[in-house]
C-alpha atoms as a PDB file:
ATOM      1  CA  MET A   1     221.270  53.998 -65.710  1.00  0.00           C
ATOM      2  CA  ASN A   2     221.752  50.327 -64.305  1.00  0.00           C
ATOM      3  CA  GLU A   3     218.695  47.943 -66.261  1.00  0.00           C
ATOM      4  CA  PRO A   4     218.220  43.758 -65.424  1.00  0.00           C
ATOM      5  CA  LYS A   5     218.889  41.421 -67.450  1.00  0.00           C
ATOM      6  CA  GLU A   6     217.787  39.279 -65.675  1.00  0.00           C
ATOM      7  CA  VAL A   7     214.603  38.837 -62.974  1.00  0.00           C
ATOM      8  CA  ARG A   8     214.320  35.045 -60.943  1.00  0.00           C
ATOM      9  CA  LEU A   9     211.311  34.545 -59.234  1.00  0.00           C
ATOM     10  CA  GLU A  10     212.434  32.197 -56.483  1.00  0.00           C
ATOM     11  CA  GLU A  11     210.636  30.607 -53.744  1.00  0.00           C
ATOM     12  CA  ILE A  12     211.158  33.228 -50.657  1.00  0.00           C
ATOM     13  CA  SER A  13     212.325  36.268 -52.820  1.00  0.00           C
ATOM     14  CA  ILE A  14     212.176  37.938 -56.307  1.00  0.00           C
ATOM     15  CA  THR A  15     215.914  38.418 -57.568  1.00  0.00           C
ATOM     16  CA  ILE A  16     217.478  40.937 -60.597  1.00  0.00           C
ATOM     17  CA  VAL A  17     220.591  40.630 -61.663  1.00  0.00           C
ATOM     18  CA  TRP A  18     221.392  44.223 -63.091  1.00  0.00           C
ATOM     19  CA  ASP A  19     224.296  44.508 -66.264  1.00  0.00           C
ATOM     20  CA  ASP A  20     226.708  46.632 -63.790  1.00  0.00           C
ATOM     21  CA  GLN A  21     226.528  42.487 -62.145  1.00  0.00           C
ATOM     22  CA  HIS A  22     225.131  43.041 -59.009  1.00  0.00           C
ATOM     23  CA  ALA A  23     222.208  40.728 -57.609  1.00  0.00           C
ATOM     24  CA  SER A  24     219.161  42.928 -56.084  1.00  0.00           C
ATOM     25  CA  VAL A  25     217.445  40.055 -53.316  1.00  0.00           C
ATOM     26  CA  TYR A  26     213.896  41.150 -52.477  1.00  0.00           C
ATOM     27  CA  PRO A  27     211.913  38.959 -50.255  1.00  0.00           C
ATOM     28  CA  HIS A  28     208.346  38.564 -52.039  1.00  0.00           C
ATOM     29  CA  GLN A  29     206.713  40.707 -49.249  1.00  0.00           C
ATOM     30  CA  TYR A  30     209.188  43.051 -48.908  1.00  0.00           C
ATOM     31  CA  LEU A  31     208.794  44.449 -52.987  1.00  0.00           C
ATOM     32  CA  ARG A  32     204.800  43.911 -52.780  1.00  0.00           C
ATOM     33  CA  GLY A  33     204.915  46.511 -49.523  1.00  0.00           C
ATOM     34  CA  GLU A  34     207.309  48.956 -51.271  1.00  0.00           C
ATOM     35  CA  CYS A  35     204.370  49.156 -54.563  1.00  0.00           C
ATOM     36  CA  PRO A  36     203.980  52.735 -55.935  1.00  0.00           C
ATOM     37  CA  CYS A  37     200.848  52.198 -57.678  1.00  0.00           C
ATOM     38  CA  ALA A  38     197.936  55.118 -56.766  1.00  0.00           C
ATOM     39  CA  GLY A  39     196.050  52.701 -54.794  1.00  0.00           C
ATOM     40  CA  CYS A  40     199.009  51.736 -52.816  1.00  0.00           C
ATOM     41  CA  LEU A  41     200.488  55.496 -52.220  1.00  0.00           C
ATOM     42  CA  GLU A  42     197.981  59.088 -52.180  1.00  0.00           C
ATOM     43  CA  GLU A  43     198.715  60.361 -55.897  1.00  0.00           C
ATOM     44  CA  MET A  44     198.955  64.047 -54.326  1.00  0.00           C
ATOM     45  CA  THR A  45     201.405  63.323 -50.520  1.00  0.00           C
ATOM     46  CA  GLY A  46     203.114  60.196 -51.352  1.00  0.00           C
ATOM     47  CA  ARG A  47     201.724  58.394 -48.368  1.00  0.00           C
ATOM     48  CA  ARG A  48     202.242  54.848 -48.084  1.00  0.00           C
ATOM     49  CA  VAL A  49     198.062  53.303 -47.468  1.00  0.00           C
ATOM     50  CA  ILE A  50     199.978  50.029 -47.756  1.00  0.00           C
ATOM     51  CA  GLY A  51     202.944  49.325 -46.751  1.00  0.00           C
ATOM     52  CA  ILE A  52     204.385  45.524 -45.799  1.00  0.00           C
ATOM     53  CA  GLU A  53     202.838  45.458 -42.836  1.00  0.00           C
ATOM     54  CA  ASP A  54     199.158  44.473 -44.842  1.00  0.00           C
ATOM     55  CA  VAL A  55     200.444  42.467 -46.996  1.00  0.00           C
ATOM     56  CA  PRO A  56     200.202  39.562 -46.426  1.00  0.00           C
ATOM     57  CA  VAL A  57     203.472  36.904 -45.249  1.00  0.00           C
ATOM     58  CA  ASP A  58     203.100  34.090 -48.461  1.00  0.00           C
ATOM     59  CA  VAL A  59     202.377  36.967 -50.645  1.00  0.00           C
ATOM     60  CA  LEU A  60     203.743  35.363 -54.333  1.00  0.00           C
ATOM     61  CA  ALA A  61     205.283  36.988 -57.394  1.00  0.00           C
ATOM     62  CA  LEU A  62     203.656  35.117 -59.797  1.00  0.00           C
ATOM     63  CA  ASP A  63     204.928  36.757 -63.181  1.00  0.00           C
ATOM     64  CA  TRP A  64     206.210  40.056 -64.229  1.00  0.00           C
ATOM     65  CA  MET A  65     206.391  41.733 -67.562  1.00  0.00           C
ATOM     66  CA  ALA A  66     208.953  45.178 -67.914  1.00  0.00           C
ATOM     67  CA  VAL A  67     207.592  48.596 -69.339  1.00  0.00           C
ATOM     68  CA  GLY A  68     208.441  50.104 -71.893  1.00  0.00           C
ATOM     69  CA  SER A  69     212.763  50.190 -71.058  1.00  0.00           C
ATOM     70  CA  TYR A  70     212.486  52.220 -67.918  1.00  0.00           C
ATOM     71  CA  ALA A  71     210.527  49.285 -65.401  1.00  0.00           C
ATOM     72  CA  LEU A  72     208.643  46.006 -64.323  1.00  0.00           C
ATOM     73  CA  ARG A  73     205.805  44.704 -63.177  1.00  0.00           C
ATOM     74  CA  PHE A  74     204.693  41.911 -61.247  1.00  0.00           C
ATOM     75  CA  LEU A  75     201.795  39.683 -60.719  1.00  0.00           C
ATOM     76  CA  TRP A  76     201.247  39.226 -57.633  1.00  0.00           C
ATOM     77  CA  SER A  77     199.111  36.531 -55.567  1.00  0.00           C
ATOM     78  CA  ASP A  78     196.623  38.384 -53.866  1.00  0.00           C
ATOM     79  CA  ALA A  79     195.679  40.104 -57.099  1.00  0.00           C
ATOM     80  CA  HIS A  80     197.655  42.875 -57.263  1.00  0.00           C
ATOM     81  CA  ASP A  81     198.984  44.240 -60.116  1.00  0.00           C
ATOM     82  CA  THR A  82     198.898  47.821 -61.074  1.00  0.00           C
ATOM     83  CA  GLY A  83     202.618  49.056 -59.538  1.00  0.00           C
ATOM     84  CA  ILE A  84     204.533  49.573 -62.612  1.00  0.00           C
ATOM     85  CA  TYR A  85     207.822  49.825 -60.373  1.00  0.00           C
ATOM     86  CA  PRO A  86     210.858  52.266 -62.505  1.00  0.00           C
ATOM     87  CA  TYR A  87     214.459  50.422 -61.758  1.00  0.00           C
ATOM     88  CA  THR A  88     215.358  53.323 -60.258  1.00  0.00           C
ATOM     89  CA  LEU A  89     213.090  51.971 -57.753  1.00  0.00           C
ATOM     90  CA  LEU A  90     214.304  48.996 -57.726  1.00  0.00           C
ATOM     91  CA  ARG A  91     217.863  49.581 -57.338  1.00  0.00           C
ATOM     92  CA  SER A  92     217.073  51.902 -54.679  1.00  0.00           C
ATOM     93  CA  LEU A  93     215.391  49.479 -52.703  1.00  0.00           C
ATOM     94  CA  CYS A  94     218.240  47.135 -52.553  1.00  0.00           C
ATOM     95  CA  GLN A  95     218.907  46.014 -49.082  1.00  0.00           C
ATOM     96  CA  CYS A  96     221.953  44.155 -49.495  1.00  0.00           C
ATOM     97  CA  PRO A  97     225.350  45.557 -47.524  1.00  0.00           C
ATOM     98  CA  GLN A  98     226.886  47.278 -50.334  1.00  0.00           C
ATOM     99  CA  CYS A  99     223.440  49.615 -51.480  1.00  0.00           C
ATOM    100  CA  THR A 100     222.268  50.828 -48.022  1.00  0.00           C
ATOM    101  CA  SER A 101     225.552  51.103 -46.361  1.00  0.00           C
ATOM    102  CA  GLY A 102     227.129  55.137 -47.109  1.00  0.00           C
END
C-alpha cells in the first residue's frame, strides 16, 4: 500500500507525495467534495449527499492530521472535519494522466 511521505496545503490545492515518489495534486474543493464521512455519504447506500457542487468554491484545507497509519483527516474552512480519507481512497482520487489512463 502506498503511504504519504509529504502533505502540503497550498493556495489552490493539496499535494500529497507518496512513498513511490508519485505526487497527487487535489484542488481543495474537489477533495472536500469527495469526503467519505457519514454526513456526506448515506451510510446504508453509499449515495453521495454532499458533493463538489455543494462545497463553496473558496473552501480550503486549513490543517491535516494522520489517522493511524491508514488515513488522513482534514480541517476544512467550512468547519467540516469528520471525514477520514483512507490512503487507498486518496490515491484513487488522483486525477493526473498517469492515474486516470488505463
